[in-house]
C-alpha atoms as a PDB file:
ATOM      1  CA  MET A   1      -7.451   4.930  -3.566  1.00  0.00           C
ATOM      2  CA  ASP A   2     -11.114   4.125  -4.469  1.00  0.00           C
ATOM      3  CA  ALA A   3     -13.339   1.444  -3.136  1.00  0.00           C
ATOM      4  CA  ALA A   4     -12.931  -0.805  -6.194  1.00  0.00           C
ATOM      5  CA  GLN A   5      -9.163  -0.741  -6.074  1.00  0.00           C
ATOM      6  CA  THR A   6      -9.086  -1.283  -2.344  1.00  0.00           C
ATOM      7  CA  ILE A   7     -11.088  -4.356  -2.681  1.00  0.00           C
ATOM      8  CA  ARG A   8      -9.298  -5.759  -5.574  1.00  0.00           C
ATOM      9  CA  ASP A   9      -5.959  -5.296  -3.747  1.00  0.00           C
ATOM     10  CA  ALA A  10      -7.136  -7.023  -0.513  1.00  0.00           C
ATOM     11  CA  ILE A  11      -8.495  -9.837  -2.563  1.00  0.00           C
ATOM     12  CA  ALA A  12      -5.395 -10.190  -4.540  1.00  0.00           C
ATOM     13  CA  ASP A  13      -3.393 -10.406  -1.206  1.00  0.00           C
ATOM     14  CA  VAL A  14      -5.770 -13.140   0.205  1.00  0.00           C
ATOM     15  CA  THR A  15      -5.337 -14.957  -3.060  1.00  0.00           C
ATOM     16  CA  ALA A  16      -1.672 -14.805  -3.054  1.00  0.00           C
ATOM     17  CA  LEU A  17      -1.578 -16.322   0.571  1.00  0.00           C
ATOM     18  CA  ARG A  18      -4.093 -18.995  -0.517  1.00  0.00           C
ATOM     19  CA  LEU A  19      -1.902 -19.920  -3.632  1.00  0.00           C
ATOM     20  CA  HIS A  20       1.156 -20.168  -1.351  1.00  0.00           C
ATOM     21  CA  ARG A  21      -0.547 -22.534   0.908  1.00  0.00           C
ATOM     22  CA  THR A  22      -1.793 -24.649  -2.014  1.00  0.00           C
ATOM     23  CA  GLY A  23       1.859 -25.082  -2.846  1.00  0.00           C
ATOM     24  CA  ASP A  24       2.873 -25.979   0.656  1.00  0.00           C
ATOM     25  CA  PRO A  25       0.530 -28.607   1.966  1.00  0.00           C
ATOM     26  CA  ALA A  26       2.212 -28.829   5.296  1.00  0.00           C
ATOM     27  CA  LEU A  27       1.553 -25.005   5.829  1.00  0.00           C
ATOM     28  CA  GLY A  28      -1.858 -25.278   4.576  1.00  0.00           C
ATOM     29  CA  ALA A  29      -2.740 -28.012   7.142  1.00  0.00           C
ATOM     30  CA  ALA A  30      -1.014 -25.798   9.761  1.00  0.00           C
ATOM     31  CA  VAL A  31      -3.044 -22.720   8.931  1.00  0.00           C
ATOM     32  CA  GLY A  32      -6.237 -24.957   8.838  1.00  0.00           C
ATOM     33  CA  SER A  33      -5.359 -26.131  12.423  1.00  0.00           C
ATOM     34  CA  VAL A  34      -4.784 -22.671  13.655  1.00  0.00           C
ATOM     35  CA  LYS A  35      -8.201 -21.482  12.085  1.00  0.00           C
ATOM     36  CA  THR A  36     -10.168 -24.461  13.737  1.00  0.00           C
ATOM     37  CA  PHE A  37      -8.463 -23.756  16.992  1.00  0.00           C
ATOM     38  CA  GLN A  38      -9.550 -20.138  16.775  1.00  0.00           C
ATOM     39  CA  ALA A  39     -13.079 -21.028  16.020  1.00  0.00           C
ATOM     40  CA  ARG A  40     -13.195 -23.285  19.011  1.00  0.00           C
ATOM     41  CA  ARG A  41     -11.664 -20.702  21.226  1.00  0.00           C
ATOM     42  CA  PHE A  42     -14.293 -18.232  19.960  1.00  0.00           C
ATOM     43  CA  ARG A  43     -17.181 -20.632  20.734  1.00  0.00           C
ATOM     44  CA  GLY A  44     -15.779 -20.994  24.235  1.00  0.00           C
ATOM     45  CA  THR A  45     -15.069 -17.393  24.945  1.00  0.00           C
ATOM     46  CA  TYR A  46     -18.651 -16.585  23.962  1.00  0.00           C
ATOM     47  CA  ALA A  47     -20.487 -19.712  24.981  1.00  0.00           C
ATOM     48  CA  ASP A  48     -22.757 -17.502  27.347  1.00  0.00           C
ATOM     49  CA  LEU A  49     -23.493 -15.013  24.294  1.00  0.00           C
ATOM     50  CA  MET A  50     -24.144 -18.076  21.899  1.00  0.00           C
ATOM     51  CA  ALA A  51     -26.859 -19.173  24.276  1.00  0.00           C
ATOM     52  CA  SER A  52     -28.397 -16.027  24.733  1.00  0.00           C
ATOM     53  CA  PRO A  53     -31.758 -15.131  22.890  1.00  0.00           C
ATOM     54  CA  ALA A  54     -30.677 -11.508  22.813  1.00  0.00           C
ATOM     55  CA  PHE A  55     -27.083 -12.074  21.951  1.00  0.00           C
ATOM     56  CA  GLY A  56     -26.953 -15.334  20.384  1.00  0.00           C
ATOM     57  CA  PRO A  57     -27.622 -14.336  16.544  1.00  0.00           C
ATOM     58  CA  ALA A  58     -24.871 -11.622  16.636  1.00  0.00           C
ATOM     59  CA  ALA A  59     -22.130 -13.949  18.372  1.00  0.00           C
ATOM     60  CA  ARG A  60     -22.938 -16.578  15.685  1.00  0.00           C
ATOM     61  CA  PHE A  61     -22.730 -14.076  12.782  1.00  0.00           C
ATOM     62  CA  PHE A  62     -19.274 -12.988  14.046  1.00  0.00           C
ATOM     63  CA  LEU A  63     -18.218 -16.512  14.387  1.00  0.00           C
ATOM     64  CA  GLU A  64     -19.429 -17.528  10.931  1.00  0.00           C
ATOM     65  CA  GLU A  65     -18.356 -14.321   9.209  1.00  0.00           C
ATOM     66  CA  LEU A  66     -15.171 -13.105  10.973  1.00  0.00           C
ATOM     67  CA  TYR A  67     -13.811 -15.911  13.286  1.00  0.00           C
ATOM     68  CA  SER A  68     -14.773 -18.880  11.321  1.00  0.00           C
ATOM     69  CA  ASP A  69     -12.440 -21.600   9.737  1.00  0.00           C
ATOM     70  CA  THR A  70     -14.796 -21.349   6.709  1.00  0.00           C
ATOM     71  CA  ASP A  71     -13.292 -21.430   3.187  1.00  0.00           C
ATOM     72  CA  TYR A  72     -14.272 -18.006   1.800  1.00  0.00           C
ATOM     73  CA  THR A  73     -12.850 -18.537  -1.690  1.00  0.00           C
ATOM     74  CA  ASP A  74     -16.267 -18.228  -3.257  1.00  0.00           C
ATOM     75  CA  ARG A  75     -16.929 -14.716  -1.488  1.00  0.00           C
ATOM     76  CA  ASP A  76     -13.452 -13.573  -2.469  1.00  0.00           C
ATOM     77  CA  GLN A  77     -13.807 -14.456  -5.834  1.00  0.00           C
ATOM     78  CA  GLN A  78     -17.052 -12.412  -6.173  1.00  0.00           C
ATOM     79  CA  PHE A  79     -15.546  -9.457  -4.355  1.00  0.00           C
ATOM     80  CA  GLY A  80     -12.632  -9.536  -6.936  1.00  0.00           C
ATOM     81  CA  ARG A  81     -15.072  -9.902 -10.010  1.00  0.00           C
ATOM     82  CA  ILE A  82     -17.592  -7.105  -8.985  1.00  0.00           C
ATOM     83  CA  ALA A  83     -15.304  -4.423  -7.223  1.00  0.00           C
ATOM     84  CA  GLY A  84     -15.799  -2.086 -10.196  1.00  0.00           C
ATOM     85  CA  THR A  85     -19.677  -2.333 -10.417  1.00  0.00           C
ATOM     86  CA  LEU A  86     -20.101  -2.427  -6.507  1.00  0.00           C
ATOM     87  CA  GLN A  87     -20.248   1.402  -6.195  1.00  0.00           C
ATOM     88  CA  THR A  88     -23.156   1.583  -8.935  1.00  0.00           C
ATOM     89  CA  MET A  89     -25.176  -1.226  -7.394  1.00  0.00           C
ATOM     90  CA  PHE A  90     -25.146  -0.492  -3.735  1.00  0.00           C
ATOM     91  CA  PRO A  91     -25.345   2.872  -1.824  1.00  0.00           C
ATOM     92  CA  GLN A  92     -22.235   4.355  -0.359  1.00  0.00           C
ATOM     93  CA  PRO A  93     -22.672   3.071   3.424  1.00  0.00           C
ATOM     94  CA  VAL A  94     -22.898  -0.543   2.001  1.00  0.00           C
ATOM     95  CA  VAL A  95     -19.747   0.129  -0.216  1.00  0.00           C
ATOM     96  CA  THR A  96     -17.842   1.375   2.767  1.00  0.00           C
ATOM     97  CA  THR A  97     -18.725  -1.702   4.771  1.00  0.00           C
ATOM     98  CA  ALA A  98     -17.665  -4.051   1.905  1.00  0.00           C
ATOM     99  CA  VAL A  99     -14.416  -2.293   1.752  1.00  0.00           C
ATOM    100  CA  ALA A 100     -13.796  -2.728   5.398  1.00  0.00           C
ATOM    101  CA  LEU A 101     -14.625  -6.291   5.321  1.00  0.00           C
ATOM    102  CA  ALA A 102     -12.288  -7.062   2.542  1.00  0.00           C
ATOM    103  CA  VAL A 103      -9.426  -5.110   4.329  1.00  0.00           C
ATOM    104  CA  LEU A 104     -10.169  -6.960   7.599  1.00  0.00           C
ATOM    105  CA  HIS A 105     -10.306 -10.362   5.734  1.00  0.00           C
ATOM    106  CA  ALA A 106      -6.814  -9.746   4.216  1.00  0.00           C
ATOM    107  CA  GLN A 107      -5.287  -8.895   7.490  1.00  0.00           C
ATOM    108  CA  THR A 108      -6.844 -11.786   9.217  1.00  0.00           C
ATOM    109  CA  GLU A 109      -5.477 -14.148   6.532  1.00  0.00           C
ATOM    110  CA  GLU A 110      -1.869 -12.638   6.646  1.00  0.00           C
ATOM    111  CA  LEU A 111      -1.951 -13.162  10.553  1.00  0.00           C
ATOM    112  CA  ASP A 112      -3.204 -16.727  10.303  1.00  0.00           C
ATOM    113  CA  GLN A 113      -0.593 -17.577   7.675  1.00  0.00           C
ATOM    114  CA  ASP A 114       2.164 -16.218  10.026  1.00  0.00           C
ATOM    115  CA  MET A 115       0.539 -18.199  12.759  1.00  0.00           C
ATOM    116  CA  GLY A 116       0.574 -21.286  10.511  1.00  0.00           C
ATOM    117  CA  ARG A 117       4.156 -20.864  10.093  1.00  0.00           C
ATOM    118  CA  ALA A 118       4.896 -20.640  13.629  1.00  0.00           C
ATOM    119  CA  TRP A 119       2.591 -23.472  14.380  1.00  0.00           C
ATOM    120  CA  LEU A 120       4.990 -25.460  12.226  1.00  0.00           C
ATOM    121  CA  ALA A 121       8.039 -24.174  13.878  1.00  0.00           C
ATOM    122  CA  HIS A 122       6.720 -25.402  17.240  1.00  0.00           C
ATOM    123  CA  LYS A 123       5.766 -28.784  16.136  1.00  0.00           C
ATOM    124  CA  ASP A 124       7.852 -30.175  19.059  1.00  0.00           C
ATOM    125  CA  VAL A 125       5.511 -28.990  21.447  1.00  0.00           C
ATOM    126  CA  ASP A 126       3.203 -31.686  23.000  1.00  0.00           C
ATOM    127  CA  ALA A 127       1.003 -32.686  20.067  1.00  0.00           C
ATOM    128  CA  ALA A 128      -1.857 -33.246  22.484  1.00  0.00           C
ATOM    129  CA  ASN A 129      -1.512 -29.828  24.021  1.00  0.00           C
ATOM    130  CA  ASP A 130      -2.892 -27.258  21.303  1.00  0.00           C
ATOM    131  CA  PRO A 131      -3.274 -24.387  23.780  1.00  0.00           C
ATOM    132  CA  ALA A 132       0.610 -24.623  24.655  1.00  0.00           C
ATOM    133  CA  ARG A 133       1.469 -24.659  20.891  1.00  0.00           C
ATOM    134  CA  TYR A 134      -0.920 -22.110  20.026  1.00  0.00           C
ATOM    135  CA  THR A 135       0.739 -19.609  22.705  1.00  0.00           C
ATOM    136  CA  ALA A 136       4.043 -20.430  21.450  1.00  0.00           C
ATOM    137  CA  ALA A 137       3.052 -19.737  18.016  1.00  0.00           C
ATOM    138  CA  TRP A 138       1.274 -16.417  18.950  1.00  0.00           C
ATOM    139  CA  ARG A 139       4.558 -15.137  20.738  1.00  0.00           C
ATOM    140  CA  THR A 140       6.696 -16.110  17.845  1.00  0.00           C
ATOM    141  CA  VAL A 141       4.382 -14.056  15.477  1.00  0.00           C
ATOM    142  CA  GLY A 142       4.181 -10.982  17.949  1.00  0.00           C
ATOM    143  CA  GLN A 143       2.587  -7.981  15.992  1.00  0.00           C
ATOM    144  CA  ARG A 144       0.599  -6.775  19.048  1.00  0.00           C
ATOM    145  CA  HIS A 145      -0.179  -3.573  17.076  1.00  0.00           C
ATOM    146  CA  ALA A 146      -1.564  -5.621  14.114  1.00  0.00           C
ATOM    147  CA  ARG A 147      -3.574  -7.600  16.602  1.00  0.00           C
ATOM    148  CA  GLN A 148      -4.907  -4.583  18.207  1.00  0.00           C
ATOM    149  CA  GLN A 149      -5.686  -3.076  14.800  1.00  0.00           C
ATOM    150  CA  GLN A 150      -7.450  -6.408  13.795  1.00  0.00           C
ATOM    151  CA  LEU A 151      -9.886  -6.106  16.863  1.00  0.00           C
ATOM    152  CA  GLN A 152     -10.654  -2.361  16.074  1.00  0.00           C
ATOM    153  CA  ARG A 153     -11.620  -3.407  12.530  1.00  0.00           C
ATOM    154  CA  VAL A 154     -14.016  -6.086  13.939  1.00  0.00           C
ATOM    155  CA  LEU A 155     -15.646  -3.819  16.253  1.00  0.00           C
ATOM    156  CA  ALA A 156     -15.881  -1.184  13.432  1.00  0.00           C
ATOM    157  CA  MET A 157     -17.565  -3.752  11.276  1.00  0.00           C
ATOM    158  CA  GLY A 158     -20.138  -4.242  14.158  1.00  0.00           C
ATOM    159  CA  ASN A 159     -20.882  -0.602  14.227  1.00  0.00           C
ATOM    160  CA  ASP A 160     -21.064  -0.256  10.584  1.00  0.00           C
ATOM    161  CA  LEU A 161     -23.682  -3.021  10.465  1.00  0.00           C
ATOM    162  CA  ALA A 162     -25.593  -1.255  13.281  1.00  0.00           C
ATOM    163  CA  ARG A 163     -25.497   2.007  11.242  1.00  0.00           C
ATOM    164  CA  LEU A 164     -26.675   0.246   8.062  1.00  0.00           C
ATOM    165  CA  THR A 165     -29.888  -0.729  10.059  1.00  0.00           C
ATOM    166  CA  ARG A 166     -30.806   2.802  10.574  1.00  0.00           C
ATOM    167  CA  THR A 167     -30.592   3.765   6.838  1.00  0.00           C
ATOM    168  CA  PRO A 168     -34.176   4.373   5.659  1.00  0.00           C
ATOM    169  CA  GLY A 169     -35.411   1.948   3.065  1.00  0.00           C
ATOM    170  CA  LEU A 170     -32.087  -0.177   3.150  1.00  0.00           C
ATOM    171  CA  ARG A 171     -33.709  -3.354   4.077  1.00  0.00           C
ATOM    172  CA  MET A 172     -36.385  -3.209   1.340  1.00  0.00           C
ATOM    173  CA  MET A 173     -33.477  -2.236  -1.139  1.00  0.00           C
ATOM    174  CA  LEU A 174     -31.487  -5.288  -0.133  1.00  0.00           C
ATOM    175  CA  ARG A 175     -34.426  -7.485  -0.489  1.00  0.00           C
ATOM    176  CA  MET A 176     -35.339  -6.055  -3.929  1.00  0.00           C
ATOM    177  CA  MET A 177     -31.521  -6.341  -5.077  1.00  0.00           C
ATOM    178  CA  ARG A 178     -31.469 -10.077  -4.205  1.00  0.00           C
ATOM    179  CA  GLY A 179     -32.300 -11.398  -7.691  1.00  0.00           C
ATOM    180  CA  PRO A 180     -29.999  -8.934  -9.516  1.00  0.00           C
ATOM    181  CA  ALA A 181     -27.032  -9.419  -7.062  1.00  0.00           C
ATOM    182  CA  ASN A 182     -27.227 -13.217  -7.647  1.00  0.00           C
ATOM    183  CA  ALA A 183     -27.467 -12.763 -11.364  1.00  0.00           C
ATOM    184  CA  ALA A 184     -24.368 -10.423 -11.265  1.00  0.00           C
ATOM    185  CA  GLY A 185     -22.389 -12.904  -9.329  1.00  0.00           C
ATOM    186  CA  MET A 186     -22.621 -11.127  -5.953  1.00  0.00           C
ATOM    187  CA  GLY A 187     -24.755 -13.741  -4.110  1.00  0.00           C
ATOM    188  CA  ALA A 188     -22.222 -14.392  -1.122  1.00  0.00           C
ATOM    189  CA  LEU A 189     -21.744 -10.477  -0.567  1.00  0.00           C
ATOM    190  CA  GLN A 190     -25.709 -10.174  -0.672  1.00  0.00           C
ATOM    191  CA  GLN A 191     -25.994 -12.830   1.787  1.00  0.00           C
ATOM    192  CA  PHE A 192     -23.305 -11.378   4.120  1.00  0.00           C
ATOM    193  CA  LEU A 193     -25.120  -7.929   4.010  1.00  0.00           C
ATOM    194  CA  GLU A 194     -28.687  -9.267   4.490  1.00  0.00           C
ATOM    195  CA  ALA A 195     -27.454 -11.541   7.420  1.00  0.00           C
ATOM    196  CA  GLY A 196     -25.617  -8.572   8.917  1.00  0.00           C
ATOM    197  CA  PHE A 197     -28.477  -6.348   8.359  1.00  0.00           C
ATOM    198  CA  ASP A 198     -31.054  -8.515  10.088  1.00  0.00           C
ATOM    199  CA  THR A 199     -28.806  -9.726  12.986  1.00  0.00           C
ATOM    200  CA  PHE A 200     -27.726  -6.219  13.938  1.00  0.00           C
ATOM    201  CA  GLY A 201     -31.130  -4.795  13.213  1.00  0.00           C
ATOM    202  CA  GLN A 202     -32.613  -7.323  15.752  1.00  0.00           C
ATOM    203  CA  LEU A 203     -29.857  -6.396  18.259  1.00  0.00           C
ATOM    204  CA  ALA A 204     -30.336  -2.482  17.686  1.00  0.00           C
ATOM    205  CA  ARG A 205     -33.999  -2.863  18.627  1.00  0.00           C
ATOM    206  CA  GLN A 206     -32.839  -3.636  22.277  1.00  0.00           C
ATOM    207  CA  ARG A 207     -31.787  -0.583  24.198  1.00  0.00           C
ATOM    208  CA  GLY A 208     -28.043  -0.670  24.310  1.00  0.00           C
ATOM    209  CA  GLY A 209     -27.868  -4.034  22.725  1.00  0.00           C
ATOM    210  CA  VAL A 210     -25.335  -3.145  20.096  1.00  0.00           C
ATOM    211  CA  GLU A 211     -23.216  -1.384  22.606  1.00  0.00           C
ATOM    212  CA  GLN A 212     -23.254  -4.030  25.220  1.00  0.00           C
ATOM    213  CA  PHE A 213     -22.438  -6.752  22.512  1.00  0.00           C
ATOM    214  CA  LEU A 214     -19.543  -4.988  21.096  1.00  0.00           C
ATOM    215  CA  ALA A 215     -18.189  -3.836  24.557  1.00  0.00           C
ATOM    216  CA  THR A 216     -18.138  -7.554  25.635  1.00  0.00           C
ATOM    217  CA  ILE A 217     -16.322  -8.538  22.524  1.00  0.00           C
ATOM    218  CA  GLU A 218     -13.767  -5.797  23.094  1.00  0.00           C
ATOM    219  CA  GLN A 219     -13.212  -6.701  26.766  1.00  0.00           C
ATOM    220  CA  ARG A 220     -12.744 -10.301  26.163  1.00  0.00           C
ATOM    221  CA  GLU A 221     -10.596 -10.048  23.188  1.00  0.00           C
ATOM    222  CA  ARG A 222      -8.304  -7.625  24.866  1.00  0.00           C
ATOM    223  CA  ALA A 223      -8.082  -9.664  27.903  1.00  0.00           C
ATOM    224  CA  LEU A 224      -7.123 -12.724  25.589  1.00  0.00           C
ATOM    225  CA  MET A 225      -4.477 -10.681  23.857  1.00  0.00           C
ATOM    226  CA  ASP A 226      -3.003  -9.571  27.140  1.00  0.00           C
ATOM    227  CA  LEU A 227      -3.013 -13.284  28.432  1.00  0.00           C
ATOM    228  CA  LEU A 228      -1.338 -14.518  25.146  1.00  0.00           C
ATOM    229  CA  PHE A 229       1.313 -11.893  25.100  1.00  0.00           C
ATOM    230  CA  ASP A 230       2.139 -11.368  28.811  1.00  0.00           C
ATOM    231  CA  ALA A 231       1.175 -14.312  30.881  1.00  0.00           C
ATOM    232  CA  ASP A 232       3.364 -17.102  31.745  1.00  0.00           C
ATOM    233  CA  PRO A 233       2.827 -20.191  29.543  1.00  0.00           C
ATOM    234  CA  VAL A 234       1.229 -22.467  32.124  1.00  0.00           C
ATOM    235  CA  THR A 235      -1.385 -19.871  32.971  1.00  0.00           C
ATOM    236  CA  CYS A 236      -2.010 -19.402  29.220  1.00  0.00           C
ATOM    237  CA  GLY A 237      -2.554 -23.187  28.710  1.00  0.00           C
ATOM    238  CA  THR A 238      -4.710 -23.518  31.903  1.00  0.00           C
ATOM    239  CA  GLN A 239      -7.035 -20.608  30.815  1.00  0.00           C
ATOM    240  CA  LEU A 240      -7.188 -21.764  27.182  1.00  0.00           C
ATOM    241  CA  ASN A 241      -8.069 -25.294  28.053  1.00  0.00           C
ATOM    242  CA  HIS A 242     -10.849 -23.962  30.357  1.00  0.00           C
ATOM    243  CA  THR A 243     -12.139 -21.892  27.590  1.00  0.00           C
ATOM    244  CA  LEU A 244     -12.046 -24.744  25.066  1.00  0.00           C
ATOM    245  CA  GLY A 245     -14.001 -26.704  27.347  1.00  0.00           C
ATOM    246  CA  GLN A 246     -16.918 -24.084  27.393  1.00  0.00           C
ATOM    247  CA  ALA A 247     -17.148 -24.446  23.349  1.00  0.00           C
ATOM    248  CA  ARG A 248     -20.368 -25.826  22.006  1.00  0.00           C
END
């Protein structure tokens, strides 16, 4: 399957999920609650990186572009519209990164929607205890392999962006394409690429910076998955409450 069709299929899946939530306001609100919780959890888990001059920009990029509760409808619509011309406007390494982003986004939306359904199913859990409800929803959804695959795709995205910074002349090309990309309706994609390029370019200038950052993400996210899948619920709640308390 070529890049354009892969992007179209991923965006079609996301659009279908979003339309389903539009027709089911309770589910839409539940998915929103899950996404908000996850963004708060990310801020807490990486509060030290957020405060770091070296790693702060990369941590915020991951939060805003991959772990956020932001509505990506505009970016999705642009992806769907320009999938066929993407390969003619951007070099192959950029196309590969765009495809990976679309696939990751579709998988994340599907898991979040499953979590939303489970969140509703556990509405009897103490309304003031979001960590307990989130843990119960997580275990109802399960899909450990999908969670591991999602993390691997996040890490691959970071490595892809770091590799892009080593492509000679690409930063200048992106800057020159800003006007044409906006005129062609690709402003959101252009913004993602430029932000990712600048963020990981800065990180790559520090010896071992990219590797250290991604290793930290992997270690902490795997520990979180093990906690949510395997620890007793009281331990999960205690640790998640502590993590949320670190959020900024």
